[in-house]
Amino acid sequence: MRFIAAAGLLLALTSCHREEKITTGGGNSDRGKQLVAQYACTACHDIPGVKGPRGMVGPPLSGIGSRSIIAGKIPNTPQNLANWIQNPQAVDPNNAMPNLNVSQKDAQDIAAFLYTLR
């Protein structure tokens, strides 16, 4: 009897699961992953799942989706992360991250991808 109940529960849980693209803060994580490669973010950062060099200028971005602070200064929210990506000097004029002229939409998509790195 327990086996049947467990099997029924498992079936119910798996049938309710459907694959969705992860979006965060209005961004698309799939597109964001492509943009991370396009903007050559791996030149400075080690980013899991993205081909390219494993830069050591900036911090590794593994687990950035779980971090509470960005750049040692601001709360890690989707909007703050997108703002940081788009214009890091506006957040901290003395940081080493270059302004790559990332559009607002691209920054939202990159932030969505980075939030998948937990």
PDB file of N, CA and C in Angstrom:
ATOM      1  N   MET A   1       0.827  -1.194   0.000  1.00  0.00           N
ATOM      2  CA  MET A   1       0.000   0.000   0.000  1.00  0.00           C
ATOM      3  C   MET A   1       0.869   1.255   0.000  1.00  0.00           C
ATOM      4  N   ARG A   2       1.923   1.255   0.855  1.00  0.00           N
ATOM      5  CA  ARG A   2       2.809   2.421   0.898  1.00  0.00           C
ATOM      6  C   ARG A   2       3.491   2.647  -0.439  1.00  0.00           C
ATOM      7  N   PHE A   3       3.858   1.538  -1.100  1.00  0.00           N
ATOM      8  CA  PHE A   3       4.513   1.648  -2.400  1.00  0.00           C
ATOM      9  C   PHE A   3       3.603   2.346  -3.403  1.00  0.00           C
ATOM     10  N   ILE A   4       2.335   1.987  -3.416  1.00  0.00           N
ATOM     11  CA  ILE A   4       1.374   2.583  -4.348  1.00  0.00           C
ATOM     12  C   ILE A   4       1.198   4.065  -4.038  1.00  0.00           C
ATOM     13  N   ALA A   5       1.096   4.404  -2.758  1.00  0.00           N
ATOM     14  CA  ALA A   5       0.954   5.815  -2.378  1.00  0.00           C
ATOM     15  C   ALA A   5       2.191   6.607  -2.782  1.00  0.00           C
ATOM     16  N   ALA A   6       3.375   6.055  -2.559  1.00  0.00           N
ATOM     17  CA  ALA A   6       4.620   6.735  -2.919  1.00  0.00           C
ATOM     18  C   ALA A   6       4.721   6.899  -4.432  1.00  0.00           C
ATOM     19  N   ALA A   7       4.349   5.855  -5.159  1.00  0.00           N
ATOM     20  CA  ALA A   7       4.385   5.927  -6.618  1.00  0.00           C
ATOM     21  C   ALA A   7       3.399   6.978  -7.127  1.00  0.00           C
ATOM     22  N   GLY A   8       2.235   7.049  -6.519  1.00  0.00           N
ATOM     23  CA  GLY A   8       1.247   8.057  -6.911  1.00  0.00           C
ATOM     24  C   GLY A   8       1.737   9.469  -6.643  1.00  0.00           C
ATOM     25  N   LEU A   9       2.371   9.654  -5.502  1.00  0.00           N
ATOM     26  CA  LEU A   9       2.926  10.967  -5.167  1.00  0.00           C
ATOM     27  C   LEU A   9       4.015  11.352  -6.145  1.00  0.00           C
ATOM     28  N   LEU A  10       4.898  10.419  -6.460  1.00  0.00           N
ATOM     29  CA  LEU A  10       5.969  10.687  -7.406  1.00  0.00           C
ATOM     30  C   LEU A  10       5.401  11.038  -8.773  1.00  0.00           C
ATOM     31  N   LEU A  11       4.413  10.314  -9.220  1.00  0.00           N
ATOM     32  CA  LEU A  11       3.776  10.589 -10.504  1.00  0.00           C
ATOM     33  C   LEU A  11       3.139  11.974 -10.503  1.00  0.00           C
ATOM     34  N   ALA A  12       2.467  12.334  -9.435  1.00  0.00           N
ATOM     35  CA  ALA A  12       1.832  13.649  -9.346  1.00  0.00           C
ATOM     36  C   ALA A  12       2.868  14.763  -9.393  1.00  0.00           C
ATOM     37  N   LEU A  13       3.955  14.591  -8.680  1.00  0.00           N
ATOM     38  CA  LEU A  13       4.995  15.620  -8.660  1.00  0.00           C
ATOM     39  C   LEU A  13       5.661  15.774 -10.011  1.00  0.00           C
ATOM     40  N   THR A  14       5.968  14.676 -10.680  1.00  0.00           N
ATOM     41  CA  THR A  14       6.639  14.771 -11.968  1.00  0.00           C
ATOM     42  C   THR A  14       5.710  15.285 -13.058  1.00  0.00           C
ATOM     43  N   SER A  15       4.427  15.001 -12.961  1.00  0.00           N
ATOM     44  CA  SER A  15       3.506  15.494 -13.984  1.00  0.00           C
ATOM     45  C   SER A  15       3.234  16.980 -13.815  1.00  0.00           C
ATOM     46  N   CYS A  16       3.404  17.508 -12.610  1.00  0.00           N
ATOM     47  CA  CYS A  16       3.216  18.938 -12.391  1.00  0.00           C
ATOM     48  C   CYS A  16       4.436  19.742 -12.833  1.00  0.00           C
ATOM     49  N   HIS A  17       5.578  19.075 -12.895  1.00  0.00           N
ATOM     50  CA  HIS A  17       6.804  19.772 -13.282  1.00  0.00           C
ATOM     51  C   HIS A  17       6.807  19.992 -14.783  1.00  0.00           C
ATOM     52  N   ARG A  18       7.090  21.196 -15.176  1.00  0.00           N
ATOM     53  CA  ARG A  18       7.261  21.474 -16.593  1.00  0.00           C
ATOM     54  C   ARG A  18       8.492  22.351 -16.746  1.00  0.00           C
ATOM     55  N   GLU A  19       9.209  22.148 -17.805  1.00  0.00           N
ATOM     56  CA  GLU A  19      10.444  22.885 -18.010  1.00  0.00           C
ATOM     57  C   GLU A  19      10.116  24.298 -18.470  1.00  0.00           C
ATOM     58  N   GLU A  20      10.718  25.274 -17.830  1.00  0.00           N
ATOM     59  CA  GLU A  20      10.510  26.668 -18.190  1.00  0.00           C
ATOM     60  C   GLU A  20      11.857  27.352 -18.282  1.00  0.00           C
ATOM     61  N   LYS A  21      11.933  28.386 -19.107  1.00  0.00           N
ATOM     62  CA  LYS A  21      13.129  29.209 -19.132  1.00  0.00           C
ATOM     63  C   LYS A  21      13.119  30.056 -17.869  1.00  0.00           C
ATOM     64  N   ILE A  22      14.263  30.169 -17.258  1.00  0.00           N
ATOM     65  CA  ILE A  22      14.359  30.962 -16.040  1.00  0.00           C
ATOM     66  C   ILE A  22      14.468  32.432 -16.430  1.00  0.00           C
ATOM     67  N   THR A  23      13.598  33.232 -15.883  1.00  0.00           N
ATOM     68  CA  THR A  23      13.689  34.670 -16.090  1.00  0.00           C
ATOM     69  C   THR A  23      13.746  35.341 -14.731  1.00  0.00           C
ATOM     70  N   THR A  24      14.522  36.380 -14.652  1.00  0.00           N
ATOM     71  CA  THR A  24      14.676  37.102 -13.399  1.00  0.00           C
ATOM     72  C   THR A  24      14.734  38.587 -13.719  1.00  0.00           C
ATOM     73  N   GLY A  25      13.904  39.354 -13.058  1.00  0.00           N
ATOM     74  CA  GLY A  25      13.934  40.793 -13.265  1.00  0.00           C
ATOM     75  C   GLY A  25      13.614  41.199 -14.690  1.00  0.00           C
ATOM     76  N   GLY A  26      12.802  40.429 -15.368  1.00  0.00           N
ATOM     77  CA  GLY A  26      12.436  40.776 -16.742  1.00  0.00           C
ATOM     78  C   GLY A  26      13.434  40.292 -17.773  1.00  0.00           C
ATOM     79  N   GLY A  27      14.468  39.561 -17.349  1.00  0.00           N
ATOM     80  CA  GLY A  27      15.490  39.101 -18.280  1.00  0.00           C
ATOM     81  C   GLY A  27      15.298  37.651 -18.683  1.00  0.00           C
ATOM     82  N   ASN A  28      15.985  37.265 -19.747  1.00  0.00           N
ATOM     83  CA  ASN A  28      15.939  35.902 -20.252  1.00  0.00           C
ATOM     84  C   ASN A  28      17.316  35.272 -20.038  1.00  0.00           C
ATOM     85  N   SER A  29      17.369  34.229 -19.225  1.00  0.00           N
ATOM     86  CA  SER A  29      18.644  33.627 -18.848  1.00  0.00           C
ATOM     87  C   SER A  29      19.355  32.964 -20.029  1.00  0.00           C
ATOM     88  N   ASP A  30      18.604  32.372 -20.954  1.00  0.00           N
ATOM     89  CA  ASP A  30      19.252  31.748 -22.117  1.00  0.00           C
ATOM     90  C   ASP A  30      19.979  32.789 -22.961  1.00  0.00           C
ATOM     91  N   ARG A  31      19.304  33.886 -23.215  1.00  0.00           N
ATOM     92  CA  ARG A  31      19.922  34.976 -23.981  1.00  0.00           C
ATOM     93  C   ARG A  31      21.084  35.578 -23.189  1.00  0.00           C
ATOM     94  N   GLY A  32      20.909  35.690 -21.867  1.00  0.00           N
ATOM     95  CA  GLY A  32      21.958  36.245 -21.024  1.00  0.00           C
ATOM     96  C   GLY A  32      23.239  35.446 -21.087  1.00  0.00           C
ATOM     97  N   LYS A  33      23.122  34.115 -21.140  1.00  0.00           N
ATOM     98  CA  LYS A  33      24.316  33.272 -21.246  1.00  0.00           C
ATOM     99  C   LYS A  33      25.051  33.547 -22.553  1.00  0.00           C
ATOM    100  N   GLN A  34      24.311  33.719 -23.624  1.00  0.00           N
ATOM    101  CA  GLN A  34      24.930  34.055 -24.919  1.00  0.00           C
ATOM    102  C   GLN A  34      25.614  35.415 -24.857  1.00  0.00           C
ATOM    103  N   LEU A  35      24.978  36.364 -24.177  1.00  0.00           N
ATOM    104  CA  LEU A  35      25.547  37.709 -24.080  1.00  0.00           C
ATOM    105  C   LEU A  35      26.820  37.743 -23.245  1.00  0.00           C
ATOM    106  N   VAL A  36      26.886  36.908 -22.204  1.00  0.00           N
ATOM    107  CA  VAL A  36      28.098  36.833 -21.384  1.00  0.00           C
ATOM    108  C   VAL A  36      29.285  36.465 -22.270  1.00  0.00           C
ATOM    109  N   ALA A  37      29.071  35.530 -23.193  1.00  0.00           N
ATOM    110  CA  ALA A  37      30.133  35.160 -24.131  1.00  0.00           C
ATOM    111  C   ALA A  37      30.392  36.292 -25.123  1.00  0.00           C
ATOM    112  N   GLN A  38      29.328  36.904 -25.616  1.00  0.00           N
ATOM    113  CA  GLN A  38      29.463  37.984 -26.608  1.00  0.00           C
ATOM    114  C   GLN A  38      30.229  39.180 -26.047  1.00  0.00           C
ATOM    115  N   TYR A  39      29.948  39.565 -24.799  1.00  0.00           N
ATOM    116  CA  TYR A  39      30.633  40.690 -24.177  1.00  0.00           C
ATOM    117  C   TYR A  39      32.001  40.291 -23.607  1.00  0.00           C
ATOM    118  N   ALA A  40      32.380  39.026 -23.778  1.00  0.00           N
ATOM    119  CA  ALA A  40      33.683  38.511 -23.329  1.00  0.00           C
ATOM    120  C   ALA A  40      33.904  38.696 -21.832  1.00  0.00           C
ATOM    121  N   CYS A  41      32.865  38.445 -21.065  1.00  0.00           N
ATOM    122  CA  CYS A  41      32.971  38.579 -19.615  1.00  0.00           C
ATOM    123  C   CYS A  41      33.987  37.601 -19.023  1.00  0.00           C
ATOM    124  N   THR A  42      34.226  36.480 -19.732  1.00  0.00           N
ATOM    125  CA  THR A  42      35.185  35.492 -19.234  1.00  0.00           C
ATOM    126  C   THR A  42      36.627  35.985 -19.339  1.00  0.00           C
ATOM    127  N   ALA A  43      36.853  37.099 -20.007  1.00  0.00           N
ATOM    128  CA  ALA A  43      38.209  37.665 -20.038  1.00  0.00           C
ATOM    129  C   ALA A  43      38.640  38.082 -18.633  1.00  0.00           C
ATOM    130  N   CYS A  44      37.665  38.445 -17.798  1.00  0.00           N
ATOM    131  CA  CYS A  44      37.976  38.889 -16.428  1.00  0.00           C
ATOM    132  C   CYS A  44      37.417  37.972 -15.350  1.00  0.00           C
ATOM    133  N   HIS A  45      36.385  37.199 -15.676  1.00  0.00           N
ATOM    134  CA  HIS A  45      35.704  36.366 -14.671  1.00  0.00           C
ATOM    135  C   HIS A  45      35.709  34.905 -15.079  1.00  0.00           C
ATOM    136  N   ASP A  46      35.788  34.031 -14.108  1.00  0.00           N
ATOM    137  CA  ASP A  46      35.556  32.609 -14.314  1.00  0.00           C
ATOM    138  C   ASP A  46      34.050  32.401 -14.137  1.00  0.00           C
ATOM    139  N   ILE A  47      33.390  31.971 -15.222  1.00  0.00           N
ATOM    140  CA  ILE A  47      31.936  31.859 -15.208  1.00  0.00           C
ATOM    141  C   ILE A  47      31.543  30.431 -15.597  1.00  0.00           C
ATOM    142  N   PRO A  48      30.965  29.685 -14.666  1.00  0.00           N
ATOM    143  CA  PRO A  48      30.581  28.302 -14.962  1.00  0.00           C
ATOM    144  C   PRO A  48      29.622  28.212 -16.145  1.00  0.00           C
ATOM    145  N   GLY A  49      29.894  27.238 -17.014  1.00  0.00           N
ATOM    146  CA  GLY A  49      29.001  26.986 -18.137  1.00  0.00           C
ATOM    147  C   GLY A  49      29.220  27.875 -19.344  1.00  0.00           C
ATOM    148  N   VAL A  50      30.201  28.775 -19.283  1.00  0.00           N
ATOM    149  CA  VAL A  50      30.460  29.675 -20.409  1.00  0.00           C
ATOM    150  C   VAL A  50      31.872  29.391 -20.923  1.00  0.00           C
ATOM    151  N   LYS A  51      31.972  29.090 -22.209  1.00  0.00           N
ATOM    152  CA  LYS A  51      33.272  28.805 -22.811  1.00  0.00           C
ATOM    153  C   LYS A  51      34.078  30.093 -22.937  1.00  0.00           C
ATOM    154  N   GLY A  52      35.365  29.932 -22.852  1.00  0.00           N
ATOM    155  CA  GLY A  52      36.255  31.067 -22.994  1.00  0.00           C
ATOM    156  C   GLY A  52      37.336  31.014 -21.944  1.00  0.00           C
ATOM    157  N   PRO A  53      38.155  32.055 -21.884  1.00  0.00           N
ATOM    158  CA  PRO A  53      39.205  32.071 -20.865  1.00  0.00           C
ATOM    159  C   PRO A  53      38.587  32.115 -19.473  1.00  0.00           C
ATOM    160  N   ARG A  54      39.343  31.771 -18.503  1.00  0.00           N
ATOM    161  CA  ARG A  54      38.881  31.822 -17.110  1.00  0.00           C
ATOM    162  C   ARG A  54      39.614  32.971 -16.436  1.00  0.00           C
ATOM    163  N   GLY A  55      39.126  34.173 -16.706  1.00  0.00           N
ATOM    164  CA  GLY A  55      39.773  35.377 -16.208  1.00  0.00           C
ATOM    165  C   GLY A  55      39.902  35.399 -14.702  1.00  0.00           C
ATOM    166  N   MET A  56      40.953  36.051 -14.254  1.00  0.00           N
ATOM    167  CA  MET A  56      41.210  36.141 -12.823  1.00  0.00           C
ATOM    168  C   MET A  56      41.349  37.585 -12.363  1.00  0.00           C
ATOM    169  N   VAL A  57      40.922  38.527 -13.190  1.00  0.00           N
ATOM    170  CA  VAL A  57      40.944  39.936 -12.804  1.00  0.00           C
ATOM    171  C   VAL A  57      39.807  40.222 -11.837  1.00  0.00           C
ATOM    172  N   GLY A  58      38.601  39.780 -12.210  1.00  0.00           N
ATOM    173  CA  GLY A  58      37.431  39.937 -11.351  1.00  0.00           C
ATOM    174  C   GLY A  58      37.179  38.643 -10.605  1.00  0.00           C
ATOM    175  N   PRO A  59      36.250  38.666  -9.667  1.00  0.00           N
ATOM    176  CA  PRO A  59      35.964  37.454  -8.889  1.00  0.00           C
ATOM    177  C   PRO A  59      35.286  36.389  -9.738  1.00  0.00           C
ATOM    178  N   PRO A  60      35.443  35.118  -9.367  1.00  0.00           N
ATOM    179  CA  PRO A  60      34.670  34.074 -10.045  1.00  0.00           C
ATOM    180  C   PRO A  60      33.185  34.303  -9.772  1.00  0.00           C
ATOM    181  N   LEU A  61      32.353  34.018 -10.763  1.00  0.00           N
ATOM    182  CA  LEU A  61      30.921  34.301 -10.621  1.00  0.00           C
ATOM    183  C   LEU A  61      30.099  33.064 -10.265  1.00  0.00           C
ATOM    184  N   SER A  62      30.757  31.962  -9.941  1.00  0.00           N
ATOM    185  CA  SER A  62      30.009  30.808  -9.463  1.00  0.00           C
ATOM    186  C   SER A  62      29.305  31.195  -8.166  1.00  0.00           C
ATOM    187  N   GLY A  63      28.047  30.855  -8.078  1.00  0.00           N
ATOM    188  CA  GLY A  63      27.281  31.148  -6.869  1.00  0.00           C
ATOM    189  C   GLY A  63      26.814  32.585  -6.731  1.00  0.00           C
ATOM    190  N   ILE A  64      26.995  33.413  -7.750  1.00  0.00           N
ATOM    191  CA  ILE A  64      26.596  34.821  -7.617  1.00  0.00           C
ATOM    192  C   ILE A  64      25.096  34.968  -7.378  1.00  0.00           C
ATOM    193  N   GLY A  65      24.308  34.032  -7.874  1.00  0.00           N
ATOM    194  CA  GLY A  65      22.867  34.095  -7.650  1.00  0.00           C
ATOM    195  C   GLY A  65      22.475  33.927  -6.196  1.00  0.00           C
ATOM    196  N   SER A  66      23.369  33.372  -5.404  1.00  0.00           N
ATOM    197  CA  SER A  66      23.097  33.152  -3.974  1.00  0.00           C
ATOM    198  C   SER A  66      23.762  34.190  -3.075  1.00  0.00           C
ATOM    199  N   ARG A  67      24.569  35.036  -3.636  1.00  0.00           N
ATOM    200  CA  ARG A  67      25.279  36.025  -2.813  1.00  0.00           C
ATOM    201  C   ARG A  67      24.331  37.128  -2.375  1.00  0.00           C
ATOM    202  N   SER A  68      24.608  37.711  -1.233  1.00  0.00           N
ATOM    203  CA  SER A  68      23.718  38.756  -0.715  1.00  0.00           C
ATOM    204  C   SER A  68      24.157  40.160  -1.125  1.00  0.00           C
ATOM    205  N   ILE A  69      25.426  40.312  -1.487  1.00  0.00           N
ATOM    206  CA  ILE A  69      25.976  41.635  -1.812  1.00  0.00           C
ATOM    207  C   ILE A  69      26.669  41.591  -3.169  1.00  0.00           C
ATOM    208  N   ILE A  70      26.558  42.675  -3.928  1.00  0.00           N
ATOM    209  CA  ILE A  70      27.264  42.836  -5.202  1.00  0.00           C
ATOM    210  C   ILE A  70      28.344  43.888  -5.002  1.00  0.00           C
ATOM    211  N   ALA A  71      29.530  43.602  -5.504  1.00  0.00           N
ATOM    212  CA  ALA A  71      30.645  44.550  -5.471  1.00  0.00           C
ATOM    213  C   ALA A  71      30.990  45.004  -4.055  1.00  0.00           C
ATOM    214  N   GLY A  72      30.613  44.198  -3.075  1.00  0.00           N
ATOM    215  CA  GLY A  72      30.924  44.533  -1.690  1.00  0.00           C
ATOM    216  C   GLY A  72      30.176  45.739  -1.164  1.00  0.00           C
ATOM    217  N   LYS A  73      29.133  46.198  -1.900  1.00  0.00           N
ATOM    218  CA  LYS A  73      28.472  47.455  -1.530  1.00  0.00           C
ATOM    219  C   LYS A  73      26.952  47.433  -1.530  1.00  0.00           C
ATOM    220  N   ILE A  74      26.351  46.752  -2.483  1.00  0.00           N
ATOM    221  CA  ILE A  74      24.906  46.892  -2.666  1.00  0.00           C
ATOM    222  C   ILE A  74      24.206  45.533  -2.564  1.00  0.00           C
ATOM    223  N   PRO A  75      22.950  45.525  -2.123  1.00  0.00           N
ATOM    224  CA  PRO A  75      22.201  44.265  -2.039  1.00  0.00           C
ATOM    225  C   PRO A  75      22.073  43.610  -3.413  1.00  0.00           C
ATOM    226  N   ASN A  76      22.167  42.299  -3.440  1.00  0.00           N
ATOM    227  CA  ASN A  76      22.056  41.548  -4.679  1.00  0.00           C
ATOM    228  C   ASN A  76      20.583  41.350  -5.025  1.00  0.00           C
ATOM    229  N   THR A  77      20.059  42.281  -5.807  1.00  0.00           N
ATOM    230  CA  THR A  77      18.702  42.182  -6.359  1.00  0.00           C
ATOM    231  C   THR A  77      18.827  42.159  -7.880  1.00  0.00           C
ATOM    232  N   PRO A  78      17.811  41.671  -8.581  1.00  0.00           N
ATOM    233  CA  PRO A  78      17.895  41.671 -10.046  1.00  0.00           C
ATOM    234  C   PRO A  78      18.175  43.064 -10.622  1.00  0.00           C
ATOM    235  N   GLN A  79      17.511  44.083 -10.101  1.00  0.00           N
ATOM    236  CA  GLN A  79      17.712  45.435 -10.638  1.00  0.00           C
ATOM    237  C   GLN A  79      19.103  45.967 -10.320  1.00  0.00           C
ATOM    238  N   ASN A  80      19.582  45.748  -9.093  1.00  0.00           N
ATOM    239  CA  ASN A  80      20.926  46.208  -8.732  1.00  0.00           C
ATOM    240  C   ASN A  80      21.994  45.502  -9.563  1.00  0.00           C
ATOM    241  N   LEU A  81      21.820  44.197  -9.781  1.00  0.00           N
ATOM    242  CA  LEU A  81      22.790  43.467 -10.584  1.00  0.00           C
ATOM    243  C   LEU A  81      22.791  43.971 -12.016  1.00  0.00           C
ATOM    244  N   ALA A  82      21.622  44.207 -12.594  1.00  0.00           N
ATOM    245  CA  ALA A  82      21.540  44.746 -13.955  1.00  0.00           C
ATOM    246  C   ALA A  82      22.163  46.139 -14.015  1.00  0.00           C
ATOM    247  N   ASN A  83      21.910  46.988 -13.010  1.00  0.00           N
ATOM    248  CA  ASN A  83      22.515  48.327 -12.983  1.00  0.00           C
ATOM    249  C   ASN A  83      24.039  48.241 -12.919  1.00  0.00           C
ATOM    250  N   TRP A  84      24.546  47.316 -12.087  1.00  0.00           N
ATOM    251  CA  TRP A  84      25.990  47.121 -11.950  1.00  0.00           C
ATOM    252  C   TRP A  84      26.602  46.708 -13.289  1.00  0.00           C
ATOM    253  N   ILE A  85      25.953  45.769 -13.973  1.00  0.00           N
ATOM    254  CA  ILE A  85      26.458  45.284 -15.262  1.00  0.00           C
ATOM    255  C   ILE A  85      26.436  46.407 -16.295  1.00  0.00           C
ATOM    256  N   GLN A  86      25.372  47.187 -16.280  1.00  0.00           N
ATOM    257  CA  GLN A  86      25.215  48.242 -17.282  1.00  0.00           C
ATOM    258  C   GLN A  86      26.185  49.402 -17.062  1.00  0.00           C
ATOM    259  N   ASN A  87      26.385  49.805 -15.817  1.00  0.00           N
ATOM    260  CA  ASN A  87      27.254  50.955 -15.551  1.00  0.00           C
ATOM    261  C   ASN A  87      27.915  50.803 -14.178  1.00  0.00           C
ATOM    262  N   PRO A  88      28.979  50.009 -14.099  1.00  0.00           N
ATOM    263  CA  PRO A  88      29.602  49.748 -12.800  1.00  0.00           C
ATOM    264  C   PRO A  88      30.155  51.001 -12.125  1.00  0.00           C
ATOM    265  N   GLN A  89      30.575  51.991 -12.894  1.00  0.00           N
ATOM    266  CA  GLN A  89      31.112  53.219 -12.302  1.00  0.00           C
ATOM    267  C   GLN A  89      30.041  54.054 -11.607  1.00  0.00           C
ATOM    268  N   ALA A  90      28.796  53.909 -12.008  1.00  0.00           N
ATOM    269  CA  ALA A  90      27.715  54.626 -11.325  1.00  0.00           C
ATOM    270  C   ALA A  90      27.513  54.075  -9.920  1.00  0.00           C
ATOM    271  N   VAL A  91      27.814  52.791  -9.734  1.00  0.00           N
ATOM    272  CA  VAL A  91      27.690  52.165  -8.420  1.00  0.00           C
ATOM    273  C   VAL A  91      28.935  52.447  -7.585  1.00  0.00           C
ATOM    274  N   ASP A  92      30.102  52.318  -8.207  1.00  0.00           N
ATOM    275  CA  ASP A  92      31.380  52.540  -7.518  1.00  0.00           C
ATOM    276  C   ASP A  92      32.381  53.095  -8.523  1.00  0.00           C
ATOM    277  N   PRO A  93      32.616  54.393  -8.492  1.00  0.00           N
ATOM    278  CA  PRO A  93      33.519  55.014  -9.468  1.00  0.00           C
ATOM    279  C   PRO A  93      34.956  54.482  -9.416  1.00  0.00           C
ATOM    280  N   ASN A  94      35.345  53.852  -8.323  1.00  0.00           N
ATOM    281  CA  ASN A  94      36.723  53.385  -8.168  1.00  0.00           C
ATOM    282  C   ASN A  94      36.909  51.894  -8.447  1.00  0.00           C
ATOM    283  N   ASN A  95      35.913  51.234  -9.025  1.00  0.00           N
ATOM    284  CA  ASN A  95      36.059  49.796  -9.278  1.00  0.00           C
ATOM    285  C   ASN A  95      36.815  49.552 -10.577  1.00  0.00           C
ATOM    286  N   ALA A  96      37.293  48.333 -10.741  1.00  0.00           N
ATOM    287  CA  ALA A  96      38.095  47.984 -11.914  1.00  0.00           C
ATOM    288  C   ALA A  96      37.271  47.462 -13.083  1.00  0.00           C
ATOM    289  N   MET A  97      35.978  47.215 -12.872  1.00  0.00           N
ATOM    290  CA  MET A  97      35.157  46.664 -13.948  1.00  0.00           C
ATOM    291  C   MET A  97      34.906  47.735 -15.008  1.00  0.00           C
ATOM    292  N   PRO A  98      35.223  47.426 -16.269  1.00  0.00           N
ATOM    293  CA  PRO A  98      35.023  48.421 -17.320  1.00  0.00           C
ATOM    294  C   PRO A  98      33.554  48.591 -17.689  1.00  0.00           C
ATOM    295  N   ASN A  99      33.193  49.770 -18.158  1.00  0.00           N
ATOM    296  CA  ASN A  99      31.866  50.002 -18.697  1.00  0.00           C
ATOM    297  C   ASN A  99      31.894  49.528 -20.140  1.00  0.00           C
ATOM    298  N   LEU A 100      31.175  48.454 -20.428  1.00  0.00           N
ATOM    299  CA  LEU A 100      31.166  47.864 -21.764  1.00  0.00           C
ATOM    300  C   LEU A 100      30.003  48.354 -22.617  1.00  0.00           C
ATOM    301  N   ASN A 101      29.333  49.412 -22.162  1.00  0.00           N
ATOM    302  CA  ASN A 101      28.181  49.965 -22.882  1.00  0.00           C
ATOM    303  C   ASN A 101      27.105  48.903 -23.114  1.00  0.00           C
ATOM    304  N   VAL A 102      26.814  48.151 -22.071  1.00  0.00           N
ATOM    305  CA  VAL A 102      25.781  47.125 -22.120  1.00  0.00           C
ATOM    306  C   VAL A 102      24.422  47.817 -22.072  1.00  0.00           C
ATOM    307  N   SER A 103      23.546  47.463 -22.988  1.00  0.00           N
ATOM    308  CA  SER A 103      22.206  48.060 -22.990  1.00  0.00           C
ATOM    309  C   SER A 103      21.420  47.577 -21.778  1.00  0.00           C
ATOM    310  N   GLN A 104      20.340  48.280 -21.468  1.00  0.00           N
ATOM    311  CA  GLN A 104      19.502  47.894 -20.330  1.00  0.00           C
ATOM    312  C   GLN A 104      18.941  46.485 -20.518  1.00  0.00           C
ATOM    313  N   LYS A 105      18.446  46.178 -21.703  1.00  0.00           N
ATOM    314  CA  LYS A 105      17.882  44.845 -21.985  1.00  0.00           C
ATOM    315  C   LYS A 105      18.953  43.767 -21.852  1.00  0.00           C
ATOM    316  N   ASP A 106      20.134  44.022 -22.417  1.00  0.00           N
ATOM    317  CA  ASP A 106      21.219  43.050 -22.308  1.00  0.00           C
ATOM    318  C   ASP A 106      21.619  42.844 -20.849  1.00  0.00           C
ATOM    319  N   ALA A 107      21.676  43.928 -20.084  1.00  0.00           N
ATOM    320  CA  ALA A 107      22.035  43.817 -18.660  1.00  0.00           C
ATOM    321  C   ALA A 107      21.008  42.994 -17.901  1.00  0.00           C
ATOM    322  N   GLN A 108      19.729  43.158 -18.210  1.00  0.00           N
ATOM    323  CA  GLN A 108      18.683  42.369 -17.555  1.00  0.00           C
ATOM    324  C   GLN A 108      18.827  40.884 -17.896  1.00  0.00           C
ATOM    325  N   ASP A 109      19.148  40.598 -19.153  1.00  0.00           N
ATOM    326  CA  ASP A 109      19.301  39.212 -19.564  1.00  0.00           C
ATOM    327  C   ASP A 109      20.549  38.585 -18.943  1.00  0.00           C
ATOM    328  N   ILE A 110      21.640  39.329 -18.883  1.00  0.00           N
ATOM    329  CA  ILE A 110      22.861  38.831 -18.249  1.00  0.00           C
ATOM    330  C   ILE A 110      22.605  38.583 -16.766  1.00  0.00           C
ATOM    331  N   ALA A 111      21.927  39.504 -16.115  1.00  0.00           N
ATOM    332  CA  ALA A 111      21.602  39.329 -14.696  1.00  0.00           C
ATOM    333  C   ALA A 111      20.741  38.085 -14.502  1.00  0.00           C
ATOM    334  N   ALA A 112      19.780  37.849 -15.381  1.00  0.00           N
ATOM    335  CA  ALA A 112      18.942  36.653 -15.293  1.00  0.00           C
ATOM    336  C   ALA A 112      19.789  35.390 -15.378  1.00  0.00           C
ATOM    337  N   PHE A 113      20.755  35.383 -16.288  1.00  0.00           N
ATOM    338  CA  PHE A 113      21.644  34.218 -16.377  1.00  0.00           C
ATOM    339  C   PHE A 113      22.470  34.076 -15.113  1.00  0.00           C
ATOM    340  N   LEU A 114      23.045  35.153 -14.638  1.00  0.00           N
ATOM    341  CA  LEU A 114      23.897  35.066 -13.449  1.00  0.00           C
ATOM    342  C   LEU A 114      23.112  34.577 -12.240  1.00  0.00           C
ATOM    343  N   TYR A 115      21.822  34.881 -12.183  1.00  0.00           N
ATOM    344  CA  TYR A 115      20.994  34.388 -11.075  1.00  0.00           C
ATOM    345  C   TYR A 115      20.785  32.880 -11.130  1.00  0.00           C
ATOM    346  N   THR A 116      21.042  32.252 -12.271  1.00  0.00           N
ATOM    347  CA  THR A 116      20.947  30.791 -12.334  1.00  0.00           C
ATOM    348  C   THR A 116      22.175  30.132 -11.717  1.00  0.00           C
ATOM    349  N   LEU A 117      23.226  30.906 -11.476  1.00  0.00           N
ATOM    350  CA  LEU A 117      24.469  30.365 -10.911  1.00  0.00           C
ATOM    351  C   LEU A 117      24.357  30.370  -9.399  1.00  0.00           C
ATOM    352  N   ARG A 118      23.855  29.288  -8.855  1.00  0.00           N
ATOM    353  CA  ARG A 118      23.616  29.195  -7.400  1.00  0.00           C
ATOM    354  C   ARG A 118      24.508  28.158  -6.773  1.00  0.00           C
TER     355      ARG A 118
END
